[in-house]
Amino acid sequence: MFRIFSGKSRTTPQDSNSSPGTSGTQVQGRTISYDPTLIMALKSDHHELIRIYQQIWSEGYERQDFRKIAELLKAFKSTFQAHLIKENVSFYVYLEQSLTNDSHTLQIVKDFRTDMNDIANAVVQFCKRYSRDVFTREMLLDFKRDYEKIGEALTRRVSLEERELYTLYHPS
C-alpha cells in the first residue's frame, strides 16, 4: 500500500548567498534580500500547479491515458520542485532572517517549512509511483485515492500559504 505521508521530514539548507530575484548582498548579516515580485511569482506557481494537477485527472485519468498521466506527472513534479526551491531559498530564508527577534512567529514559520517538506516527499513519491505507461487494476484504484489525498494536502497548503504565511513577507 502506498503511504502518502510518512511523517519523516527532511531539512533543507537554510543559507545561501544569492538566488534569482535577490541582489545577494548582505544587509546586517542577511544573505537574502527582499524581492517585491516574489509573492506574485509564488502565487503564479500555485495557479500553474493547480492547472497541471487538474489536467492529470481530466486529460489522463478520465481518458485512461496513462502516457498522458506520466507526462503530466513529470511536468507537475518539475514545476512543484522549482516552486519549492524558490520558496525555500528566497522566501523561508528571508523570513527566518527577518524574524530572529520574534521566536514565536519564527517557530510557526519553521513548522510551516517542515510541513511543506512532508508534503513535498509525498508528492514526489506519488509522481514516481504513477509515472508509468500501464496501470494494473489495483494501481488504478490506488491512483484515485492517492490523487485525492495529494489534492487535499495541496489545496489546504496553498490556501494557508496565501492567506496566512505570505502576509509575513515584507521589507524589514
N, C-alpha and C. Protein backbone atom coordinates (compact mmCIF):
# COMPACT_ATOMS: atom_id res chain seq x y z
N MET A 1 0.84 -1.17 0.00
CA MET A 1 0.00 0.00 0.00
C MET A 1 0.88 1.24 0.00
N PHE A 2 0.45 2.24 -0.72
CA PHE A 2 1.20 3.48 -0.87
C PHE A 2 0.94 4.39 0.32
N ARG A 3 1.99 4.87 0.94
CA ARG A 3 1.85 5.77 2.08
C ARG A 3 2.09 7.19 1.62
N ILE A 4 1.07 8.00 1.69
CA ILE A 4 1.19 9.38 1.24
C ILE A 4 2.07 10.20 2.18
N PHE A 5 1.82 10.13 3.46
CA PHE A 5 2.59 10.92 4.40
C PHE A 5 3.31 10.00 5.37
N SER A 6 4.61 10.02 5.27
CA SER A 6 5.40 9.09 6.08
C SER A 6 5.70 9.64 7.46
N GLY A 7 5.52 10.93 7.63
CA GLY A 7 5.83 11.52 8.93
C GLY A 7 7.30 11.88 9.06
N LYS A 8 8.09 11.49 8.08
CA LYS A 8 9.50 11.86 8.11
C LYS A 8 9.65 13.21 7.44
N SER A 9 10.56 13.99 7.94
CA SER A 9 10.80 15.26 7.28
C SER A 9 12.29 15.39 6.99
N ARG A 10 12.53 16.13 5.94
CA ARG A 10 13.91 16.42 5.60
C ARG A 10 14.13 17.90 5.84
N THR A 11 15.31 18.21 6.27
CA THR A 11 15.62 19.61 6.39
C THR A 11 16.31 20.03 5.11
N THR A 12 16.20 21.31 4.83
CA THR A 12 16.82 21.84 3.63
C THR A 12 17.84 22.87 4.04
N PRO A 13 18.82 23.10 3.19
CA PRO A 13 19.81 24.11 3.52
C PRO A 13 19.11 25.44 3.78
N GLN A 14 19.52 26.12 4.81
CA GLN A 14 18.84 27.35 5.15
C GLN A 14 19.68 28.59 4.88
N ASP A 15 20.80 28.42 4.25
CA ASP A 15 21.56 29.62 3.95
C ASP A 15 22.07 29.55 2.52
N SER A 16 22.06 30.70 1.90
CA SER A 16 22.51 30.82 0.53
C SER A 16 22.96 32.25 0.33
N ASN A 17 23.94 32.45 -0.50
CA ASN A 17 24.44 33.79 -0.72
C ASN A 17 23.64 34.56 -1.73
N SER A 18 22.99 33.86 -2.64
CA SER A 18 22.25 34.56 -3.67
C SER A 18 21.20 33.64 -4.25
N SER A 19 20.17 34.22 -4.81
CA SER A 19 19.15 33.46 -5.50
C SER A 19 18.52 34.34 -6.55
N PRO A 20 17.79 33.75 -7.52
CA PRO A 20 17.14 34.57 -8.53
C PRO A 20 16.19 35.56 -7.87
N GLY A 21 16.24 36.78 -8.34
CA GLY A 21 15.34 37.79 -7.81
C GLY A 21 15.86 38.51 -6.58
N THR A 22 17.09 38.19 -6.14
CA THR A 22 17.66 38.88 -5.00
C THR A 22 19.00 39.45 -5.40
N SER A 23 19.40 40.46 -4.69
CA SER A 23 20.68 41.08 -5.02
C SER A 23 21.84 40.26 -4.52
N GLY A 24 21.61 39.45 -3.50
CA GLY A 24 22.68 38.64 -2.95
C GLY A 24 23.58 39.41 -2.01
N THR A 25 23.31 40.70 -1.85
CA THR A 25 24.13 41.49 -0.95
C THR A 25 23.68 41.25 0.47
N GLN A 26 24.62 41.24 1.36
CA GLN A 26 24.28 41.03 2.76
C GLN A 26 23.99 42.37 3.41
N VAL A 27 22.84 42.44 4.05
CA VAL A 27 22.45 43.62 4.78
C VAL A 27 22.31 43.20 6.23
N GLN A 28 23.12 43.80 7.10
CA GLN A 28 23.10 43.48 8.52
C GLN A 28 23.14 41.97 8.75
N GLY A 29 24.04 41.27 8.09
CA GLY A 29 24.20 39.84 8.28
C GLY A 29 23.21 38.99 7.50
N ARG A 30 22.44 39.59 6.64
CA ARG A 30 21.45 38.85 5.87
C ARG A 30 22.05 38.36 4.57
N THR A 31 21.56 37.23 4.14
CA THR A 31 22.05 36.67 2.88
C THR A 31 21.01 36.75 1.78
N ILE A 32 19.76 36.98 2.11
CA ILE A 32 18.69 37.06 1.13
C ILE A 32 18.01 38.41 1.28
N SER A 33 17.85 39.11 0.17
CA SER A 33 17.20 40.42 0.18
C SER A 33 15.72 40.27 -0.15
N TYR A 34 14.96 41.28 0.23
CA TYR A 34 13.53 41.32 -0.07
C TYR A 34 13.34 41.44 -1.59
N ASP A 35 12.41 40.69 -2.11
CA ASP A 35 12.08 40.73 -3.53
C ASP A 35 10.60 41.08 -3.67
N PRO A 36 10.28 42.27 -4.14
CA PRO A 36 8.88 42.70 -4.22
C PRO A 36 8.03 41.87 -5.19
N THR A 37 8.65 41.08 -6.04
CA THR A 37 7.90 40.26 -7.01
C THR A 37 7.74 38.81 -6.56
N LEU A 38 8.34 38.45 -5.45
CA LEU A 38 8.38 37.05 -5.03
C LEU A 38 6.99 36.47 -4.75
N ILE A 39 6.17 37.15 -3.99
CA ILE A 39 4.86 36.60 -3.62
C ILE A 39 3.99 36.39 -4.86
N MET A 40 4.01 37.33 -5.78
CA MET A 40 3.23 37.14 -7.01
C MET A 40 3.77 35.95 -7.80
N ALA A 41 5.08 35.76 -7.82
CA ALA A 41 5.67 34.62 -8.52
C ALA A 41 5.26 33.30 -7.86
N LEU A 42 5.26 33.27 -6.54
CA LEU A 42 4.86 32.06 -5.82
C LEU A 42 3.38 31.75 -6.05
N LYS A 43 2.54 32.77 -6.05
CA LYS A 43 1.11 32.57 -6.33
C LYS A 43 0.90 32.11 -7.77
N SER A 44 1.68 32.64 -8.67
CA SER A 44 1.60 32.20 -10.07
C SER A 44 1.97 30.72 -10.19
N ASP A 45 2.99 30.31 -9.45
CA ASP A 45 3.36 28.89 -9.40
C ASP A 45 2.19 28.05 -8.90
N HIS A 46 1.50 28.53 -7.88
CA HIS A 46 0.35 27.80 -7.34
C HIS A 46 -0.72 27.59 -8.42
N HIS A 47 -0.99 28.64 -9.17
CA HIS A 47 -2.00 28.53 -10.24
C HIS A 47 -1.59 27.51 -11.29
N GLU A 48 -0.31 27.51 -11.63
CA GLU A 48 0.20 26.57 -12.62
C GLU A 48 0.13 25.13 -12.08
N LEU A 49 0.49 24.94 -10.83
CA LEU A 49 0.41 23.61 -10.23
C LEU A 49 -1.02 23.10 -10.20
N ILE A 50 -1.95 23.95 -9.86
CA ILE A 50 -3.36 23.55 -9.83
C ILE A 50 -3.84 23.19 -11.23
N ARG A 51 -3.43 23.97 -12.22
CA ARG A 51 -3.82 23.70 -13.61
C ARG A 51 -3.31 22.32 -14.06
N ILE A 52 -2.05 22.05 -13.80
CA ILE A 52 -1.47 20.75 -14.19
C ILE A 52 -2.14 19.63 -13.40
N TYR A 53 -2.34 19.85 -12.11
CA TYR A 53 -2.98 18.84 -11.27
C TYR A 53 -4.36 18.46 -11.83
N GLN A 54 -5.14 19.43 -12.21
CA GLN A 54 -6.47 19.17 -12.77
C GLN A 54 -6.38 18.45 -14.11
N GLN A 55 -5.39 18.79 -14.91
CA GLN A 55 -5.19 18.11 -16.19
C GLN A 55 -4.87 16.63 -16.00
N ILE A 56 -4.13 16.31 -14.95
CA ILE A 56 -3.80 14.91 -14.68
C ILE A 56 -5.09 14.09 -14.63
N TRP A 57 -6.09 14.65 -14.02
CA TRP A 57 -7.37 13.95 -13.91
C TRP A 57 -8.14 13.97 -15.23
N SER A 58 -8.36 15.18 -15.76
CA SER A 58 -9.24 15.32 -16.92
C SER A 58 -8.65 14.78 -18.21
N GLU A 59 -7.36 14.96 -18.41
CA GLU A 59 -6.74 14.51 -19.66
C GLU A 59 -6.05 13.16 -19.54
N GLY A 60 -5.82 12.72 -18.32
CA GLY A 60 -5.15 11.44 -18.11
C GLY A 60 -6.06 10.38 -17.56
N TYR A 61 -6.42 10.54 -16.30
CA TYR A 61 -7.19 9.50 -15.61
C TYR A 61 -8.55 9.24 -16.25
N GLU A 62 -9.32 10.28 -16.49
CA GLU A 62 -10.66 10.08 -17.05
C GLU A 62 -10.63 9.41 -18.43
N ARG A 63 -9.58 9.64 -19.17
CA ARG A 63 -9.44 9.04 -20.50
C ARG A 63 -8.65 7.74 -20.47
N GLN A 64 -8.21 7.37 -19.27
CA GLN A 64 -7.37 6.18 -19.10
C GLN A 64 -6.12 6.24 -20.00
N ASP A 65 -5.61 7.45 -20.15
CA ASP A 65 -4.42 7.70 -20.96
C ASP A 65 -3.22 7.76 -20.01
N PHE A 66 -2.61 6.61 -19.81
CA PHE A 66 -1.55 6.50 -18.82
C PHE A 66 -0.26 7.20 -19.26
N ARG A 67 -0.03 7.26 -20.55
CA ARG A 67 1.13 8.02 -21.04
C ARG A 67 0.94 9.51 -20.73
N LYS A 68 -0.29 9.99 -20.90
CA LYS A 68 -0.58 11.39 -20.60
C LYS A 68 -0.42 11.65 -19.10
N ILE A 69 -0.88 10.71 -18.28
CA ILE A 69 -0.70 10.85 -16.84
C ILE A 69 0.79 10.97 -16.52
N ALA A 70 1.59 10.09 -17.10
CA ALA A 70 3.04 10.12 -16.84
C ALA A 70 3.65 11.45 -17.29
N GLU A 71 3.24 11.92 -18.45
CA GLU A 71 3.75 13.20 -18.98
C GLU A 71 3.37 14.36 -18.05
N LEU A 72 2.12 14.38 -17.63
CA LEU A 72 1.65 15.46 -16.75
C LEU A 72 2.27 15.36 -15.36
N LEU A 73 2.46 14.15 -14.88
CA LEU A 73 3.12 13.99 -13.57
C LEU A 73 4.55 14.51 -13.62
N LYS A 74 5.22 14.28 -14.74
CA LYS A 74 6.59 14.79 -14.89
C LYS A 74 6.58 16.33 -14.84
N ALA A 75 5.64 16.94 -15.56
CA ALA A 75 5.52 18.40 -15.56
C ALA A 75 5.15 18.92 -14.17
N PHE A 76 4.22 18.22 -13.51
CA PHE A 76 3.79 18.61 -12.17
C PHE A 76 4.95 18.54 -11.19
N LYS A 77 5.69 17.45 -11.23
CA LYS A 77 6.82 17.26 -10.32
C LYS A 77 7.89 18.33 -10.53
N SER A 78 8.24 18.60 -11.77
CA SER A 78 9.30 19.59 -12.02
C SER A 78 8.84 21.00 -11.65
N THR A 79 7.58 21.34 -11.92
CA THR A 79 7.05 22.64 -11.55
C THR A 79 6.98 22.77 -10.03
N PHE A 80 6.56 21.70 -9.38
CA PHE A 80 6.47 21.67 -7.92
C PHE A 80 7.85 21.83 -7.29
N GLN A 81 8.84 21.12 -7.80
CA GLN A 81 10.19 21.20 -7.24
C GLN A 81 10.81 22.58 -7.47
N ALA A 82 10.56 23.17 -8.63
CA ALA A 82 11.07 24.52 -8.90
C ALA A 82 10.44 25.52 -7.93
N HIS A 83 9.15 25.35 -7.67
CA HIS A 83 8.45 26.21 -6.71
C HIS A 83 9.06 26.05 -5.31
N LEU A 84 9.31 24.82 -4.91
CA LEU A 84 9.89 24.58 -3.59
C LEU A 84 11.27 25.22 -3.45
N ILE A 85 12.06 25.13 -4.48
CA ILE A 85 13.39 25.74 -4.42
C ILE A 85 13.26 27.25 -4.23
N LYS A 86 12.39 27.85 -5.03
CA LYS A 86 12.17 29.29 -4.93
C LYS A 86 11.66 29.65 -3.52
N GLU A 87 10.74 28.87 -3.02
CA GLU A 87 10.17 29.14 -1.71
C GLU A 87 11.21 28.93 -0.60
N ASN A 88 11.97 27.84 -0.68
CA ASN A 88 12.96 27.55 0.35
C ASN A 88 14.09 28.57 0.36
N VAL A 89 14.60 28.89 -0.80
CA VAL A 89 15.77 29.77 -0.87
C VAL A 89 15.39 31.24 -0.67
N SER A 90 14.37 31.70 -1.36
CA SER A 90 14.05 33.13 -1.32
C SER A 90 13.08 33.50 -0.20
N PHE A 91 12.08 32.70 0.02
CA PHE A 91 11.02 33.06 0.97
C PHE A 91 11.37 32.68 2.40
N TYR A 92 11.58 31.39 2.65
CA TYR A 92 11.80 30.94 4.02
C TYR A 92 13.08 31.50 4.63
N VAL A 93 14.14 31.52 3.87
CA VAL A 93 15.39 32.05 4.42
C VAL A 93 15.23 33.53 4.78
N TYR A 94 14.57 34.27 3.90
CA TYR A 94 14.33 35.69 4.21
C TYR A 94 13.51 35.85 5.49
N LEU A 95 12.42 35.07 5.59
CA LEU A 95 11.59 35.17 6.80
C LEU A 95 12.37 34.79 8.05
N GLU A 96 13.13 33.72 7.97
CA GLU A 96 13.90 33.28 9.13
C GLU A 96 14.92 34.34 9.53
N GLN A 97 15.50 35.01 8.56
CA GLN A 97 16.42 36.11 8.86
C GLN A 97 15.68 37.28 9.50
N SER A 98 14.51 37.60 8.97
CA SER A 98 13.75 38.75 9.43
C SER A 98 13.14 38.56 10.81
N LEU A 99 12.88 37.32 11.16
CA LEU A 99 12.15 37.04 12.41
C LEU A 99 13.05 36.58 13.55
N THR A 100 14.32 36.85 13.47
CA THR A 100 15.23 36.38 14.52
C THR A 100 14.86 36.91 15.90
N ASN A 101 14.19 38.08 15.97
CA ASN A 101 13.80 38.65 17.26
C ASN A 101 12.36 38.32 17.65
N ASP A 102 11.71 37.46 16.89
CA ASP A 102 10.32 37.06 17.18
C ASP A 102 10.27 35.53 17.17
N SER A 103 10.69 34.94 18.28
CA SER A 103 10.84 33.49 18.34
C SER A 103 9.53 32.74 18.12
N HIS A 104 8.42 33.29 18.56
CA HIS A 104 7.12 32.63 18.39
C HIS A 104 6.75 32.52 16.91
N THR A 105 6.79 33.63 16.20
CA THR A 105 6.46 33.63 14.77
C THR A 105 7.49 32.82 13.99
N LEU A 106 8.75 32.93 14.38
CA LEU A 106 9.80 32.15 13.73
C LEU A 106 9.51 30.66 13.84
N GLN A 107 9.06 30.20 14.99
CA GLN A 107 8.75 28.78 15.15
C GLN A 107 7.57 28.37 14.26
N ILE A 108 6.59 29.23 14.14
CA ILE A 108 5.46 28.95 13.24
C ILE A 108 5.95 28.80 11.80
N VAL A 109 6.83 29.68 11.37
CA VAL A 109 7.38 29.62 10.02
C VAL A 109 8.16 28.32 9.83
N LYS A 110 8.95 27.95 10.82
CA LYS A 110 9.71 26.70 10.73
C LYS A 110 8.78 25.48 10.68
N ASP A 111 7.67 25.54 11.41
CA ASP A 111 6.69 24.45 11.36
C ASP A 111 6.05 24.36 9.97
N PHE A 112 5.74 25.49 9.38
CA PHE A 112 5.21 25.52 8.01
C PHE A 112 6.21 24.87 7.05
N ARG A 113 7.46 25.20 7.24
CA ARG A 113 8.50 24.68 6.35
C ARG A 113 8.62 23.16 6.49
N THR A 114 8.58 22.67 7.70
CA THR A 114 8.65 21.22 7.94
C THR A 114 7.45 20.52 7.32
N ASP A 115 6.27 21.09 7.52
CA ASP A 115 5.05 20.53 6.92
C ASP A 115 5.17 20.48 5.40
N MET A 116 5.73 21.53 4.81
CA MET A 116 5.88 21.56 3.36
C MET A 116 6.85 20.48 2.90
N ASN A 117 7.88 20.22 3.65
CA ASN A 117 8.82 19.16 3.29
C ASN A 117 8.14 17.79 3.31
N ASP A 118 7.24 17.57 4.27
CA ASP A 118 6.49 16.31 4.31
C ASP A 118 5.59 16.18 3.08
N ILE A 119 4.91 17.27 2.73
CA ILE A 119 4.05 17.26 1.55
C ILE A 119 4.89 17.03 0.30
N ALA A 120 6.04 17.67 0.23
CA ALA A 120 6.92 17.52 -0.93
C ALA A 120 7.34 16.06 -1.12
N ASN A 121 7.70 15.41 -0.03
CA ASN A 121 8.08 13.99 -0.13
C ASN A 121 6.92 13.15 -0.65
N ALA A 122 5.71 13.43 -0.17
CA ALA A 122 4.53 12.69 -0.62
C ALA A 122 4.25 12.93 -2.09
N VAL A 123 4.38 14.17 -2.54
CA VAL A 123 4.14 14.50 -3.95
C VAL A 123 5.15 13.80 -4.84
N VAL A 124 6.40 13.83 -4.47
CA VAL A 124 7.43 13.17 -5.28
C VAL A 124 7.20 11.67 -5.34
N GLN A 125 6.86 11.04 -4.22
CA GLN A 125 6.55 9.61 -4.21
C GLN A 125 5.37 9.31 -5.13
N PHE A 126 4.33 10.13 -5.05
CA PHE A 126 3.14 9.97 -5.89
C PHE A 126 3.52 10.05 -7.37
N CYS A 127 4.29 11.06 -7.73
CA CYS A 127 4.68 11.24 -9.13
C CYS A 127 5.52 10.06 -9.62
N LYS A 128 6.44 9.60 -8.81
CA LYS A 128 7.28 8.47 -9.21
C LYS A 128 6.45 7.19 -9.36
N ARG A 129 5.55 6.96 -8.42
CA ARG A 129 4.77 5.72 -8.44
C ARG A 129 3.89 5.61 -9.67
N TYR A 130 3.31 6.72 -10.09
CA TYR A 130 2.31 6.65 -11.16
C TYR A 130 2.83 7.15 -12.52
N SER A 131 4.10 7.35 -12.64
CA SER A 131 4.68 7.72 -13.94
C SER A 131 4.98 6.46 -14.72
N ARG A 132 3.91 5.83 -15.21
CA ARG A 132 4.00 4.56 -15.93
C ARG A 132 3.09 4.60 -17.14
N ASP A 133 3.41 3.81 -18.13
CA ASP A 133 2.57 3.74 -19.33
C ASP A 133 1.39 2.79 -19.16
N VAL A 134 1.47 1.92 -18.16
CA VAL A 134 0.41 0.94 -17.92
C VAL A 134 0.13 0.88 -16.42
N PHE A 135 -1.14 0.81 -16.07
CA PHE A 135 -1.55 0.66 -14.67
C PHE A 135 -2.22 -0.70 -14.50
N THR A 136 -1.99 -1.32 -13.37
CA THR A 136 -2.76 -2.52 -13.02
C THR A 136 -4.12 -2.03 -12.49
N ARG A 137 -5.05 -2.92 -12.33
CA ARG A 137 -6.36 -2.56 -11.77
C ARG A 137 -6.19 -1.96 -10.37
N GLU A 138 -5.32 -2.58 -9.57
CA GLU A 138 -5.08 -2.09 -8.21
C GLU A 138 -4.48 -0.67 -8.24
N MET A 139 -3.53 -0.45 -9.16
CA MET A 139 -2.93 0.88 -9.27
C MET A 139 -3.96 1.93 -9.66
N LEU A 140 -4.89 1.54 -10.51
CA LEU A 140 -5.93 2.46 -10.94
C LEU A 140 -6.78 2.92 -9.75
N LEU A 141 -7.12 1.97 -8.88
CA LEU A 141 -7.89 2.32 -7.68
C LEU A 141 -7.04 3.13 -6.70
N ASP A 142 -5.80 2.72 -6.53
CA ASP A 142 -4.90 3.45 -5.63
C ASP A 142 -4.65 4.87 -6.13
N PHE A 143 -4.53 5.02 -7.45
CA PHE A 143 -4.26 6.33 -8.03
C PHE A 143 -5.36 7.32 -7.63
N LYS A 144 -6.59 6.91 -7.78
CA LYS A 144 -7.71 7.80 -7.45
C LYS A 144 -7.62 8.25 -6.00
N ARG A 145 -7.41 7.32 -5.08
CA ARG A 145 -7.32 7.63 -3.65
C ARG A 145 -6.11 8.55 -3.37
N ASP A 146 -4.96 8.20 -3.94
CA ASP A 146 -3.75 8.98 -3.70
C ASP A 146 -3.84 10.37 -4.33
N TYR A 147 -4.43 10.45 -5.51
CA TYR A 147 -4.63 11.73 -6.20
C TYR A 147 -5.47 12.65 -5.32
N GLU A 148 -6.53 12.11 -4.75
CA GLU A 148 -7.41 12.91 -3.88
C GLU A 148 -6.68 13.37 -2.63
N LYS A 149 -5.86 12.50 -2.04
CA LYS A 149 -5.09 12.89 -0.84
C LYS A 149 -4.09 13.99 -1.15
N ILE A 150 -3.40 13.85 -2.27
CA ILE A 150 -2.45 14.89 -2.68
C ILE A 150 -3.20 16.20 -2.91
N GLY A 151 -4.33 16.12 -3.57
CA GLY A 151 -5.13 17.31 -3.84
C GLY A 151 -5.59 18.01 -2.57
N GLU A 152 -6.04 17.22 -1.60
CA GLU A 152 -6.47 17.80 -0.32
C GLU A 152 -5.30 18.50 0.38
N ALA A 153 -4.16 17.85 0.40
CA ALA A 153 -2.98 18.43 1.07
C ALA A 153 -2.54 19.71 0.36
N LEU A 154 -2.51 19.69 -0.96
CA LEU A 154 -2.07 20.87 -1.70
C LEU A 154 -3.07 22.01 -1.58
N THR A 155 -4.36 21.71 -1.64
CA THR A 155 -5.38 22.74 -1.50
C THR A 155 -5.29 23.42 -0.15
N ARG A 156 -5.16 22.61 0.89
CA ARG A 156 -5.02 23.15 2.24
C ARG A 156 -3.76 24.01 2.35
N ARG A 157 -2.68 23.52 1.80
CA ARG A 157 -1.41 24.21 1.90
C ARG A 157 -1.40 25.52 1.13
N VAL A 158 -1.87 25.50 -0.11
CA VAL A 158 -1.90 26.72 -0.92
C VAL A 158 -2.76 27.78 -0.23
N SER A 159 -3.89 27.36 0.29
CA SER A 159 -4.79 28.29 0.98
C SER A 159 -4.10 28.90 2.20
N LEU A 160 -3.47 28.07 3.01
CA LEU A 160 -2.76 28.57 4.20
C LEU A 160 -1.61 29.51 3.83
N GLU A 161 -0.84 29.11 2.84
CA GLU A 161 0.29 29.96 2.44
C GLU A 161 -0.20 31.33 1.98
N GLU A 162 -1.17 31.33 1.08
CA GLU A 162 -1.61 32.59 0.50
C GLU A 162 -2.38 33.45 1.50
N ARG A 163 -3.13 32.84 2.39
CA ARG A 163 -3.96 33.57 3.35
C ARG A 163 -3.17 34.01 4.58
N GLU A 164 -2.23 33.18 5.04
CA GLU A 164 -1.56 33.44 6.31
C GLU A 164 -0.04 33.69 6.18
N LEU A 165 0.64 32.74 5.60
CA LEU A 165 2.10 32.77 5.61
C LEU A 165 2.68 33.90 4.76
N TYR A 166 2.16 34.08 3.56
CA TYR A 166 2.72 35.09 2.67
C TYR A 166 2.54 36.51 3.21
N THR A 167 1.61 36.71 4.12
CA THR A 167 1.41 38.05 4.71
C THR A 167 2.58 38.46 5.60
N LEU A 168 3.40 37.50 5.99
CA LEU A 168 4.57 37.81 6.83
C LEU A 168 5.73 38.37 6.01
N TYR A 169 5.65 38.23 4.71
CA TYR A 169 6.76 38.65 3.84
C TYR A 169 6.62 40.14 3.49
N HIS A 170 7.52 40.95 4.02
CA HIS A 170 7.54 42.37 3.72
C HIS A 170 8.94 42.91 3.99
N PRO A 171 9.26 44.05 3.41
CA PRO A 171 10.60 44.60 3.66
C PRO A 171 10.80 44.87 5.15
N SER A 172 12.00 44.62 5.60
CA SER A 172 12.24 44.86 7.03
C SER A 172 13.23 46.00 7.22
